Amino acid sequence: MSSKVNELKNNLRKLGQEIPSIMGAFGNFNKEVVKEGVLNHKIKELMALAIGLAIRCDHCIRYHTAEAVKAGATRAEILDTAGVAILMGGGPVLINTASVLFELLDELEVK
């Protein structure tokens, strides 16, 4: 896992120690949303990644790329997801995809 993703997860754990009721509730909500259902976990993480790209949230991109990879997403699936985000978000999403996402995919050694 990328050092930046590890740092983000550590910071989220620290936040959980500071505001446990809020982070606990959010964590439970997150688990409920991304669990297997009509859509599988990998698809849900790819959707979250597309939204992260579209709203240009670097931390969201890092987190959901790593989670998508853990769920079995390939580089090709992640880049196809990025294509949808670029379609929906235009030029700013293109720039984030070219910088943040490629850096992360290479760092995570996603094939």
C-alpha atoms as a PDB file:
ATOM      1  CA  MET A   1       0.000   0.000   0.000  1.00  0.00           C
ATOM      2  CA  SER A   2       1.169   3.509  -0.780  1.00  0.00           C
ATOM      3  CA  SER A   3       2.791   5.514   2.016  1.00  0.00           C
ATOM      4  CA  LYS A   4       0.322   8.347   1.409  1.00  0.00           C
ATOM      5  CA  VAL A   5      -2.617   5.938   1.747  1.00  0.00           C
ATOM      6  CA  ASN A   6      -1.111   4.533   4.960  1.00  0.00           C
ATOM      7  CA  GLU A   7      -0.681   8.069   6.282  1.00  0.00           C
ATOM      8  CA  LEU A   8      -4.309   8.868   5.433  1.00  0.00           C
ATOM      9  CA  LYS A   9      -5.550   5.703   7.165  1.00  0.00           C
ATOM     10  CA  ASN A  10      -3.430   6.511  10.245  1.00  0.00           C
ATOM     11  CA  ASN A  11      -4.901  10.017  10.341  1.00  0.00           C
ATOM     12  CA  LEU A  12      -8.405   8.575  10.074  1.00  0.00           C
ATOM     13  CA  ARG A  13      -7.626   6.252  13.012  1.00  0.00           C
ATOM     14  CA  LYS A  14      -6.406   9.259  15.037  1.00  0.00           C
ATOM     15  CA  LEU A  15      -9.582  11.121  14.179  1.00  0.00           C
ATOM     16  CA  GLY A  16     -11.506   8.061  15.378  1.00  0.00           C
ATOM     17  CA  GLN A  17      -9.757   8.349  18.728  1.00  0.00           C
ATOM     18  CA  GLU A  18     -10.650  12.033  18.976  1.00  0.00           C
ATOM     19  CA  ILE A  19     -14.281  11.774  17.858  1.00  0.00           C
ATOM     20  CA  PRO A  20     -15.141   8.075  18.233  1.00  0.00           C
ATOM     21  CA  SER A  21     -18.930   8.338  18.012  1.00  0.00           C
ATOM     22  CA  ILE A  22     -18.853  10.280  14.740  1.00  0.00           C
ATOM     23  CA  MET A  23     -16.104   8.203  13.129  1.00  0.00           C
ATOM     24  CA  GLY A  24     -17.677   4.973  14.375  1.00  0.00           C
ATOM     25  CA  ALA A  25     -20.997   5.923  12.820  1.00  0.00           C
ATOM     26  CA  PHE A  26     -19.312   6.969   9.579  1.00  0.00           C
ATOM     27  CA  GLY A  27     -17.241   3.774   9.518  1.00  0.00           C
ATOM     28  CA  ASN A  28     -20.355   1.641   9.973  1.00  0.00           C
ATOM     29  CA  PHE A  29     -22.121   3.597   7.234  1.00  0.00           C
ATOM     30  CA  ASN A  30     -19.133   3.101   4.910  1.00  0.00           C
ATOM     31  CA  LYS A  31     -19.066  -0.665   5.571  1.00  0.00           C
ATOM     32  CA  GLU A  32     -22.794  -0.935   4.909  1.00  0.00           C
ATOM     33  CA  VAL A  33     -22.585   0.990   1.638  1.00  0.00           C
ATOM     34  CA  VAL A  34     -19.607  -0.852   0.106  1.00  0.00           C
ATOM     35  CA  LYS A  35     -20.535  -4.390   1.181  1.00  0.00           C
ATOM     36  CA  GLU A  36     -21.574  -6.966  -1.399  1.00  0.00           C
ATOM     37  CA  GLY A  37     -25.093  -6.360  -2.624  1.00  0.00           C
ATOM     38  CA  VAL A  38     -26.667  -5.956  -6.029  1.00  0.00           C
ATOM     39  CA  LEU A  39     -23.349  -4.358  -6.985  1.00  0.00           C
ATOM     40  CA  ASN A  40     -20.179  -6.038  -5.802  1.00  0.00           C
ATOM     41  CA  HIS A  41     -17.587  -4.375  -3.570  1.00  0.00           C
ATOM     42  CA  LYS A  42     -15.113  -3.758  -6.415  1.00  0.00           C
ATOM     43  CA  ILE A  43     -17.721  -1.945  -8.530  1.00  0.00           C
ATOM     44  CA  LYS A  44     -18.710   0.206  -5.558  1.00  0.00           C
ATOM     45  CA  GLU A  45     -15.079   1.180  -4.929  1.00  0.00           C
ATOM     46  CA  LEU A  46     -14.654   2.020  -8.626  1.00  0.00           C
ATOM     47  CA  MET A  47     -17.778   4.193  -8.402  1.00  0.00           C
ATOM     48  CA  ALA A  48     -16.363   5.959  -5.349  1.00  0.00           C
ATOM     49  CA  LEU A  49     -13.097   6.467  -7.233  1.00  0.00           C
ATOM     50  CA  ALA A  50     -14.946   8.008 -10.203  1.00  0.00           C
ATOM     51  CA  ILE A  51     -16.703  10.411  -7.859  1.00  0.00           C
ATOM     52  CA  GLY A  52     -13.427  11.233  -6.079  1.00  0.00           C
ATOM     53  CA  LEU A  53     -11.866  12.040  -9.438  1.00  0.00           C
ATOM     54  CA  ALA A  54     -14.892  14.081 -10.516  1.00  0.00           C
ATOM     55  CA  ILE A  55     -14.851  16.217  -7.370  1.00  0.00           C
ATOM     56  CA  ARG A  56     -11.018  16.411  -7.484  1.00  0.00           C
ATOM     57  CA  CYS A  57     -10.461  15.020  -3.970  1.00  0.00           C
ATOM     58  CA  ASP A  58      -6.866  13.743  -3.932  1.00  0.00           C
ATOM     59  CA  HIS A  59      -7.332  11.872  -0.648  1.00  0.00           C
ATOM     60  CA  CYS A  60     -10.544  10.245  -1.920  1.00  0.00           C
ATOM     61  CA  ILE A  61      -8.701   9.199  -5.079  1.00  0.00           C
ATOM     62  CA  ARG A  62      -5.885   7.636  -3.062  1.00  0.00           C
ATOM     63  CA  TYR A  63      -8.182   5.873  -0.613  1.00  0.00           C
ATOM     64  CA  HIS A  64     -10.636   4.467  -3.151  1.00  0.00           C
ATOM     65  CA  THR A  65      -7.928   3.469  -5.643  1.00  0.00           C
ATOM     66  CA  ALA A  66      -6.226   1.446  -2.905  1.00  0.00           C
ATOM     67  CA  GLU A  67      -9.552  -0.063  -1.825  1.00  0.00           C
ATOM     68  CA  ALA A  68     -10.480  -0.908  -5.428  1.00  0.00           C
ATOM     69  CA  VAL A  69      -7.121  -2.644  -5.879  1.00  0.00           C
ATOM     70  CA  LYS A  70      -7.689  -4.593  -2.639  1.00  0.00           C
ATOM     71  CA  ALA A  71     -11.092  -5.597  -4.046  1.00  0.00           C
ATOM     72  CA  GLY A  72      -9.385  -6.963  -7.178  1.00  0.00           C
ATOM     73  CA  ALA A  73      -9.552  -4.030  -9.620  1.00  0.00           C
ATOM     74  CA  THR A  74      -6.954  -4.035 -12.375  1.00  0.00           C
ATOM     75  CA  ARG A  75      -5.114  -1.060 -13.809  1.00  0.00           C
ATOM     76  CA  ALA A  76      -7.307  -1.302 -16.932  1.00  0.00           C
ATOM     77  CA  GLU A  77     -10.516  -1.235 -14.845  1.00  0.00           C
ATOM     78  CA  ILE A  78      -9.260   1.744 -12.849  1.00  0.00           C
ATOM     79  CA  LEU A  79      -8.326   3.643 -15.993  1.00  0.00           C
ATOM     80  CA  ASP A  80     -11.688   2.792 -17.589  1.00  0.00           C
ATOM     81  CA  THR A  81     -13.313   4.222 -14.451  1.00  0.00           C
ATOM     82  CA  ALA A  82     -11.155   7.331 -14.860  1.00  0.00           C
ATOM     83  CA  GLY A  83     -12.462   7.673 -18.409  1.00  0.00           C
ATOM     84  CA  VAL A  84     -16.034   7.852 -17.092  1.00  0.00           C
ATOM     85  CA  ALA A  85     -14.974  10.456 -14.520  1.00  0.00           C
ATOM     86  CA  ILE A  86     -13.254  12.514 -17.223  1.00  0.00           C
ATOM     87  CA  LEU A  87     -16.418  12.366 -19.346  1.00  0.00           C
ATOM     88  CA  MET A  88     -18.509  13.607 -16.428  1.00  0.00           C
ATOM     89  CA  GLY A  89     -16.037  16.118 -14.983  1.00  0.00           C
ATOM     90  CA  GLY A  90     -14.173  17.501 -17.988  1.00  0.00           C
ATOM     91  CA  GLY A  91     -10.743  19.135 -17.971  1.00  0.00           C
ATOM     92  CA  PRO A  92     -10.144  19.387 -14.205  1.00  0.00           C
ATOM     93  CA  VAL A  93     -10.724  15.638 -13.850  1.00  0.00           C
ATOM     94  CA  LEU A  94      -8.366  14.994 -16.747  1.00  0.00           C
ATOM     95  CA  ILE A  95      -5.597  16.882 -14.925  1.00  0.00           C
ATOM     96  CA  ASN A  96      -6.167  14.980 -11.647  1.00  0.00           C
ATOM     97  CA  THR A  97      -6.195  11.670 -13.518  1.00  0.00           C
ATOM     98  CA  ALA A  98      -2.939  12.506 -15.284  1.00  0.00           C
ATOM     99  CA  SER A  99      -1.198  13.462 -12.054  1.00  0.00           C
ATOM    100  CA  VAL A 100      -2.599  11.908  -8.871  1.00  0.00           C
ATOM    101  CA  LEU A 101      -4.031   8.660 -10.266  1.00  0.00           C
ATOM    102  CA  PHE A 102      -1.052   7.693 -12.445  1.00  0.00           C
ATOM    103  CA  GLU A 103       1.384   8.423  -9.622  1.00  0.00           C
ATOM    104  CA  LEU A 104      -0.635   6.240  -7.290  1.00  0.00           C
ATOM    105  CA  LEU A 105      -1.109   3.357  -9.750  1.00  0.00           C
ATOM    106  CA  ASP A 106       2.639   3.247 -10.324  1.00  0.00           C
ATOM    107  CA  GLU A 107       3.366   3.478  -6.596  1.00  0.00           C
ATOM    108  CA  LEU A 108       0.926   0.624  -5.885  1.00  0.00           C
ATOM    109  CA  GLU A 109       2.385  -1.343  -8.830  1.00  0.00           C
ATOM    110  CA  VAL A 110      -1.097  -2.098 -10.163  1.00  0.00           C
ATOM    111  CA  LYS A 111      -1.002  -4.281 -13.266  1.00  0.00           C
END
